[in-house]
Amino acid sequence: MHLDHDPAAPAGSEITFDDFLKVDIRVGTVVAAEVYEGARKPSYRLRIDFGPGVGEKKSVGQVAALYSPEELIGRQVAAVVNFPKRQIGKAVSEVLTLGFADEEGRVTLFSPDKAVPNGSRLF
């Protein structure tokens, strides 16, 4: 599957509300972030706490262009928590951390503008 990061791209195919509900997007707090050595694009290995229902999960995020590891720790982020694990180089990513591309294609993380409980689901 190819994702188009062009803001002028048309909307994707229509889905039903039931399709949307299948995608489990939750908020968690980054508890650890370290440089992922050997990645093709500047990336970090993240550990994100999604609260008692989902727990702590690992993610690989291509967010090194705009964030330092220190800036990420304690930050709430949104992620898809019900995708299968994915091998990314030597690392395993358990969740897909969500973001948007800026004008230069750098990833800006998607997060709530006010603190919410870890594990809160997007609706």
N, C-alpha and C. Protein backbone atom coordinates (compact mmCIF):
# COMPACT_ATOMS: atom_id res chain seq x y z
N MET A 1 0.84 -1.17 0.00
CA MET A 1 0.00 0.00 0.00
C MET A 1 0.89 1.24 0.00
N HIS A 2 0.56 2.18 -0.85
CA HIS A 2 1.30 3.43 -0.94
C HIS A 2 0.45 4.55 -0.36
N LEU A 3 1.04 5.33 0.51
CA LEU A 3 0.34 6.48 1.07
C LEU A 3 0.83 7.73 0.37
N ASP A 4 -0.10 8.54 -0.11
CA ASP A 4 0.25 9.77 -0.80
C ASP A 4 0.32 10.90 0.21
N HIS A 5 1.50 11.51 0.35
CA HIS A 5 1.70 12.59 1.31
C HIS A 5 1.45 13.96 0.70
N ASP A 6 0.96 13.99 -0.54
CA ASP A 6 0.69 15.24 -1.24
C ASP A 6 -0.62 15.82 -0.73
N PRO A 7 -0.60 17.03 -0.15
CA PRO A 7 -1.85 17.60 0.35
C PRO A 7 -2.89 17.88 -0.74
N ALA A 8 -2.46 17.90 -1.99
CA ALA A 8 -3.40 18.14 -3.08
C ALA A 8 -3.99 16.84 -3.62
N ALA A 9 -3.57 15.70 -3.08
CA ALA A 9 -4.09 14.41 -3.55
C ALA A 9 -5.57 14.30 -3.18
N PRO A 10 -6.36 13.63 -4.01
CA PRO A 10 -7.78 13.47 -3.70
C PRO A 10 -7.97 12.56 -2.49
N ALA A 11 -9.15 12.61 -1.90
CA ALA A 11 -9.48 11.75 -0.76
C ALA A 11 -9.40 10.29 -1.18
N GLY A 12 -9.13 9.42 -0.22
CA GLY A 12 -9.07 7.99 -0.49
C GLY A 12 -10.44 7.42 -0.79
N SER A 13 -10.47 6.13 -1.05
CA SER A 13 -11.74 5.44 -1.34
C SER A 13 -12.68 5.55 -0.15
N GLU A 14 -13.96 5.63 -0.45
CA GLU A 14 -14.97 5.71 0.61
C GLU A 14 -15.00 4.42 1.42
N ILE A 15 -15.13 4.57 2.75
CA ILE A 15 -15.26 3.42 3.64
C ILE A 15 -16.53 3.61 4.47
N THR A 16 -16.95 2.55 5.13
CA THR A 16 -18.10 2.64 6.01
C THR A 16 -17.65 3.01 7.42
N PHE A 17 -18.60 3.40 8.26
CA PHE A 17 -18.29 3.70 9.65
C PHE A 17 -17.76 2.45 10.35
N ASP A 18 -18.30 1.29 10.00
CA ASP A 18 -17.81 0.04 10.58
C ASP A 18 -16.35 -0.20 10.21
N ASP A 19 -15.95 0.17 8.97
CA ASP A 19 -14.54 0.06 8.58
C ASP A 19 -13.68 0.95 9.47
N PHE A 20 -14.12 2.18 9.70
CA PHE A 20 -13.39 3.11 10.55
C PHE A 20 -13.21 2.54 11.95
N LEU A 21 -14.27 1.94 12.49
CA LEU A 21 -14.20 1.41 13.85
C LEU A 21 -13.21 0.25 13.99
N LYS A 22 -12.86 -0.39 12.90
CA LYS A 22 -11.88 -1.47 12.94
C LYS A 22 -10.48 -0.97 13.23
N VAL A 23 -10.21 0.30 12.91
CA VAL A 23 -8.90 0.89 13.14
C VAL A 23 -8.89 1.45 14.56
N ASP A 24 -8.08 0.85 15.43
CA ASP A 24 -8.02 1.23 16.84
C ASP A 24 -6.89 2.23 17.04
N ILE A 25 -7.25 3.52 17.11
CA ILE A 25 -6.27 4.59 17.28
C ILE A 25 -6.36 5.06 18.73
N ARG A 26 -5.23 4.97 19.43
CA ARG A 26 -5.17 5.32 20.85
C ARG A 26 -4.07 6.35 21.10
N VAL A 27 -4.18 7.00 22.24
CA VAL A 27 -3.16 7.95 22.69
C VAL A 27 -2.30 7.26 23.73
N GLY A 28 -0.99 7.51 23.63
CA GLY A 28 -0.05 7.02 24.63
C GLY A 28 1.03 8.05 24.87
N THR A 29 1.78 7.84 25.93
CA THR A 29 2.87 8.74 26.29
C THR A 29 4.20 8.06 25.97
N VAL A 30 5.07 8.78 25.28
CA VAL A 30 6.40 8.26 24.96
C VAL A 30 7.20 8.18 26.26
N VAL A 31 7.67 6.98 26.59
CA VAL A 31 8.45 6.79 27.82
C VAL A 31 9.93 6.58 27.53
N ALA A 32 10.28 6.28 26.28
CA ALA A 32 11.68 6.13 25.89
C ALA A 32 11.81 6.40 24.41
N ALA A 33 12.92 7.03 24.03
CA ALA A 33 13.20 7.32 22.62
C ALA A 33 14.71 7.26 22.43
N GLU A 34 15.13 6.50 21.44
CA GLU A 34 16.56 6.41 21.14
C GLU A 34 16.76 6.37 19.63
N VAL A 35 17.91 6.84 19.20
CA VAL A 35 18.23 6.85 17.77
C VAL A 35 18.26 5.41 17.27
N TYR A 36 17.63 5.17 16.14
CA TYR A 36 17.63 3.85 15.51
C TYR A 36 18.77 3.84 14.50
N GLU A 37 19.89 3.32 14.93
CA GLU A 37 21.09 3.25 14.08
C GLU A 37 20.83 2.31 12.91
N GLY A 38 21.27 2.69 11.74
CA GLY A 38 21.15 1.85 10.56
C GLY A 38 19.86 2.02 9.78
N ALA A 39 18.98 2.88 10.23
CA ALA A 39 17.74 3.11 9.49
C ALA A 39 18.03 3.87 8.20
N ARG A 40 17.23 3.61 7.16
CA ARG A 40 17.42 4.32 5.88
C ARG A 40 17.12 5.80 6.01
N LYS A 41 16.11 6.15 6.79
CA LYS A 41 15.76 7.55 7.06
C LYS A 41 15.95 7.79 8.55
N PRO A 42 16.32 9.01 8.94
CA PRO A 42 16.53 9.28 10.37
C PRO A 42 15.31 8.89 11.20
N SER A 43 15.50 7.96 12.12
CA SER A 43 14.39 7.39 12.87
C SER A 43 14.75 7.17 14.33
N TYR A 44 13.72 6.99 15.14
CA TYR A 44 13.89 6.65 16.55
C TYR A 44 13.13 5.37 16.86
N ARG A 45 13.67 4.64 17.82
CA ARG A 45 12.92 3.54 18.43
C ARG A 45 12.20 4.16 19.62
N LEU A 46 10.91 3.97 19.67
CA LEU A 46 10.09 4.56 20.72
C LEU A 46 9.46 3.46 21.56
N ARG A 47 9.28 3.74 22.83
CA ARG A 47 8.44 2.92 23.70
C ARG A 47 7.33 3.84 24.17
N ILE A 48 6.09 3.41 23.97
CA ILE A 48 4.94 4.25 24.24
C ILE A 48 4.00 3.52 25.21
N ASP A 49 3.61 4.21 26.28
CA ASP A 49 2.70 3.65 27.27
C ASP A 49 1.26 4.03 26.91
N PHE A 50 0.46 3.01 26.57
CA PHE A 50 -0.94 3.21 26.21
C PHE A 50 -1.89 2.88 27.36
N GLY A 51 -1.38 2.81 28.57
CA GLY A 51 -2.23 2.54 29.72
C GLY A 51 -2.51 1.07 29.90
N PRO A 52 -3.34 0.74 30.92
CA PRO A 52 -3.53 -0.67 31.29
C PRO A 52 -4.21 -1.54 30.24
N GLY A 53 -5.05 -0.99 29.38
CA GLY A 53 -5.75 -1.82 28.40
C GLY A 53 -4.85 -2.34 27.30
N VAL A 54 -3.95 -1.51 26.80
CA VAL A 54 -3.07 -1.86 25.68
C VAL A 54 -1.65 -2.15 26.18
N GLY A 55 -1.22 -1.41 27.19
CA GLY A 55 0.12 -1.60 27.74
C GLY A 55 1.16 -0.78 27.01
N GLU A 56 2.41 -1.14 27.22
CA GLU A 56 3.54 -0.45 26.60
C GLU A 56 3.90 -1.14 25.29
N LYS A 57 4.08 -0.37 24.23
CA LYS A 57 4.37 -0.91 22.91
C LYS A 57 5.57 -0.20 22.31
N LYS A 58 6.22 -0.90 21.37
CA LYS A 58 7.37 -0.35 20.65
C LYS A 58 6.93 0.17 19.28
N SER A 59 7.61 1.21 18.84
CA SER A 59 7.33 1.77 17.52
C SER A 59 8.63 2.32 16.95
N VAL A 60 8.75 2.29 15.64
CA VAL A 60 9.85 2.95 14.95
C VAL A 60 9.24 4.14 14.22
N GLY A 61 9.73 5.32 14.54
CA GLY A 61 9.17 6.52 13.93
C GLY A 61 10.21 7.32 13.18
N GLN A 62 9.87 7.74 11.96
CA GLN A 62 10.76 8.57 11.16
C GLN A 62 10.53 10.04 11.52
N VAL A 63 10.83 10.38 12.75
CA VAL A 63 10.54 11.71 13.26
C VAL A 63 11.79 12.46 13.70
N ALA A 64 12.96 11.93 13.37
CA ALA A 64 14.21 12.54 13.83
C ALA A 64 14.50 13.89 13.19
N ALA A 65 13.86 14.20 12.07
CA ALA A 65 14.12 15.48 11.41
C ALA A 65 13.58 16.65 12.22
N LEU A 66 12.53 16.45 12.99
CA LEU A 66 11.90 17.55 13.72
C LEU A 66 11.96 17.43 15.24
N TYR A 67 12.31 16.25 15.76
CA TYR A 67 12.27 16.03 17.20
C TYR A 67 13.58 15.41 17.69
N SER A 68 13.98 15.78 18.89
CA SER A 68 15.09 15.09 19.56
C SER A 68 14.48 14.04 20.48
N PRO A 69 15.25 13.03 20.87
CA PRO A 69 14.70 12.04 21.81
C PRO A 69 14.19 12.69 23.09
N GLU A 70 14.88 13.70 23.57
CA GLU A 70 14.49 14.38 24.81
C GLU A 70 13.13 15.07 24.66
N GLU A 71 12.85 15.62 23.49
CA GLU A 71 11.57 16.28 23.24
C GLU A 71 10.41 15.29 23.21
N LEU A 72 10.71 14.06 22.82
CA LEU A 72 9.65 13.06 22.66
C LEU A 72 9.23 12.44 24.00
N ILE A 73 10.17 12.28 24.92
CA ILE A 73 9.86 11.64 26.19
C ILE A 73 8.86 12.51 26.96
N GLY A 74 7.75 11.90 27.35
CA GLY A 74 6.69 12.60 28.05
C GLY A 74 5.62 13.16 27.13
N ARG A 75 5.84 13.10 25.83
CA ARG A 75 4.87 13.64 24.86
C ARG A 75 3.81 12.60 24.56
N GLN A 76 2.56 13.04 24.48
CA GLN A 76 1.49 12.13 24.07
C GLN A 76 1.43 12.10 22.55
N VAL A 77 1.24 10.89 22.01
CA VAL A 77 1.15 10.69 20.57
C VAL A 77 -0.02 9.75 20.28
N ALA A 78 -0.48 9.78 19.05
CA ALA A 78 -1.55 8.88 18.61
C ALA A 78 -0.92 7.76 17.77
N ALA A 79 -1.49 6.57 17.89
CA ALA A 79 -0.97 5.43 17.13
C ALA A 79 -2.08 4.43 16.88
N VAL A 80 -1.94 3.70 15.77
CA VAL A 80 -2.81 2.56 15.49
C VAL A 80 -2.24 1.40 16.28
N VAL A 81 -3.05 0.82 17.16
CA VAL A 81 -2.54 -0.22 18.05
C VAL A 81 -2.98 -1.63 17.65
N ASN A 82 -3.76 -1.75 16.57
CA ASN A 82 -4.23 -3.10 16.21
C ASN A 82 -3.75 -3.56 14.83
N PHE A 83 -2.65 -3.00 14.34
CA PHE A 83 -2.00 -3.56 13.15
C PHE A 83 -1.10 -4.70 13.60
N PRO A 84 -0.80 -5.64 12.71
CA PRO A 84 0.18 -6.68 13.06
C PRO A 84 1.56 -6.06 13.25
N LYS A 85 2.39 -6.72 14.04
CA LYS A 85 3.77 -6.27 14.22
C LYS A 85 4.44 -6.21 12.86
N ARG A 86 5.40 -5.27 12.73
CA ARG A 86 6.08 -5.09 11.46
C ARG A 86 7.58 -5.02 11.69
N GLN A 87 8.32 -5.80 10.92
CA GLN A 87 9.78 -5.78 10.99
C GLN A 87 10.28 -4.59 10.19
N ILE A 88 11.05 -3.71 10.83
CA ILE A 88 11.63 -2.56 10.15
C ILE A 88 13.13 -2.64 10.38
N GLY A 89 13.83 -3.20 9.39
CA GLY A 89 15.26 -3.46 9.59
C GLY A 89 15.42 -4.49 10.68
N LYS A 90 16.23 -4.17 11.69
CA LYS A 90 16.46 -5.09 12.80
C LYS A 90 15.46 -4.87 13.94
N ALA A 91 14.60 -3.89 13.81
CA ALA A 91 13.64 -3.57 14.88
C ALA A 91 12.25 -4.08 14.54
N VAL A 92 11.45 -4.28 15.57
CA VAL A 92 10.04 -4.64 15.40
C VAL A 92 9.21 -3.46 15.87
N SER A 93 8.25 -3.07 15.03
CA SER A 93 7.33 -2.00 15.39
C SER A 93 5.97 -2.64 15.68
N GLU A 94 5.47 -2.41 16.90
CA GLU A 94 4.21 -3.03 17.32
C GLU A 94 3.01 -2.14 17.06
N VAL A 95 3.23 -0.84 16.89
CA VAL A 95 2.15 0.11 16.62
C VAL A 95 2.62 1.08 15.54
N LEU A 96 1.67 1.70 14.85
CA LEU A 96 1.98 2.71 13.85
C LEU A 96 1.72 4.08 14.45
N THR A 97 2.80 4.79 14.78
CA THR A 97 2.68 6.14 15.33
C THR A 97 2.29 7.08 14.19
N LEU A 98 1.29 7.93 14.44
CA LEU A 98 0.70 8.74 13.39
C LEU A 98 1.27 10.15 13.32
N GLY A 99 1.38 10.64 12.09
CA GLY A 99 1.86 12.00 11.88
C GLY A 99 1.45 12.49 10.51
N PHE A 100 1.79 13.74 10.26
CA PHE A 100 1.51 14.39 8.98
C PHE A 100 2.81 14.93 8.42
N ALA A 101 2.93 14.97 7.09
CA ALA A 101 4.13 15.53 6.46
C ALA A 101 3.99 17.05 6.37
N ASP A 102 5.10 17.74 6.69
CA ASP A 102 5.10 19.19 6.51
C ASP A 102 5.48 19.50 5.06
N GLU A 103 5.71 20.77 4.75
CA GLU A 103 6.01 21.18 3.37
C GLU A 103 7.27 20.51 2.82
N GLU A 104 8.17 20.10 3.71
CA GLU A 104 9.42 19.47 3.28
C GLU A 104 9.39 17.95 3.40
N GLY A 105 8.22 17.40 3.74
CA GLY A 105 8.09 15.95 3.85
C GLY A 105 8.51 15.39 5.20
N ARG A 106 8.84 16.25 6.17
CA ARG A 106 9.22 15.79 7.51
C ARG A 106 7.96 15.46 8.30
N VAL A 107 8.05 14.44 9.14
CA VAL A 107 6.88 13.98 9.88
C VAL A 107 6.67 14.83 11.14
N THR A 108 5.44 15.37 11.24
CA THR A 108 4.98 16.08 12.43
C THR A 108 4.01 15.16 13.14
N LEU A 109 4.28 14.84 14.40
CA LEU A 109 3.45 13.89 15.12
C LEU A 109 2.04 14.40 15.37
N PHE A 110 1.11 13.47 15.38
CA PHE A 110 -0.30 13.74 15.65
C PHE A 110 -0.55 13.45 17.13
N SER A 111 -1.00 14.47 17.87
CA SER A 111 -1.25 14.30 19.30
C SER A 111 -2.37 15.23 19.74
N PRO A 112 -3.00 14.91 20.88
CA PRO A 112 -4.07 15.79 21.35
C PRO A 112 -3.50 17.14 21.79
N ASP A 113 -4.33 18.18 21.71
CA ASP A 113 -3.84 19.49 22.13
C ASP A 113 -3.98 19.71 23.63
N LYS A 114 -4.66 18.79 24.32
CA LYS A 114 -4.73 18.79 25.78
C LYS A 114 -4.48 17.35 26.24
N ALA A 115 -3.89 17.20 27.42
CA ALA A 115 -3.60 15.86 27.93
C ALA A 115 -4.88 15.06 28.13
N VAL A 116 -4.83 13.79 27.73
CA VAL A 116 -5.93 12.85 27.93
C VAL A 116 -5.35 11.58 28.55
N PRO A 117 -6.18 10.72 29.14
CA PRO A 117 -5.64 9.49 29.73
C PRO A 117 -5.00 8.59 28.65
N ASN A 118 -3.86 8.00 28.99
CA ASN A 118 -3.25 7.02 28.09
C ASN A 118 -4.26 5.92 27.80
N GLY A 119 -4.34 5.53 26.55
CA GLY A 119 -5.28 4.50 26.13
C GLY A 119 -6.57 5.07 25.57
N SER A 120 -6.77 6.39 25.67
CA SER A 120 -7.98 6.99 25.11
C SER A 120 -8.05 6.68 23.62
N ARG A 121 -9.25 6.33 23.16
CA ARG A 121 -9.44 5.94 21.76
C ARG A 121 -10.01 7.10 20.95
N LEU A 122 -9.49 7.25 19.73
CA LEU A 122 -10.00 8.26 18.81
C LEU A 122 -11.40 7.87 18.36
N PHE A 123 -12.30 8.83 18.33
CA PHE A 123 -13.65 8.58 17.81
C PHE A 123 -14.13 9.81 17.09
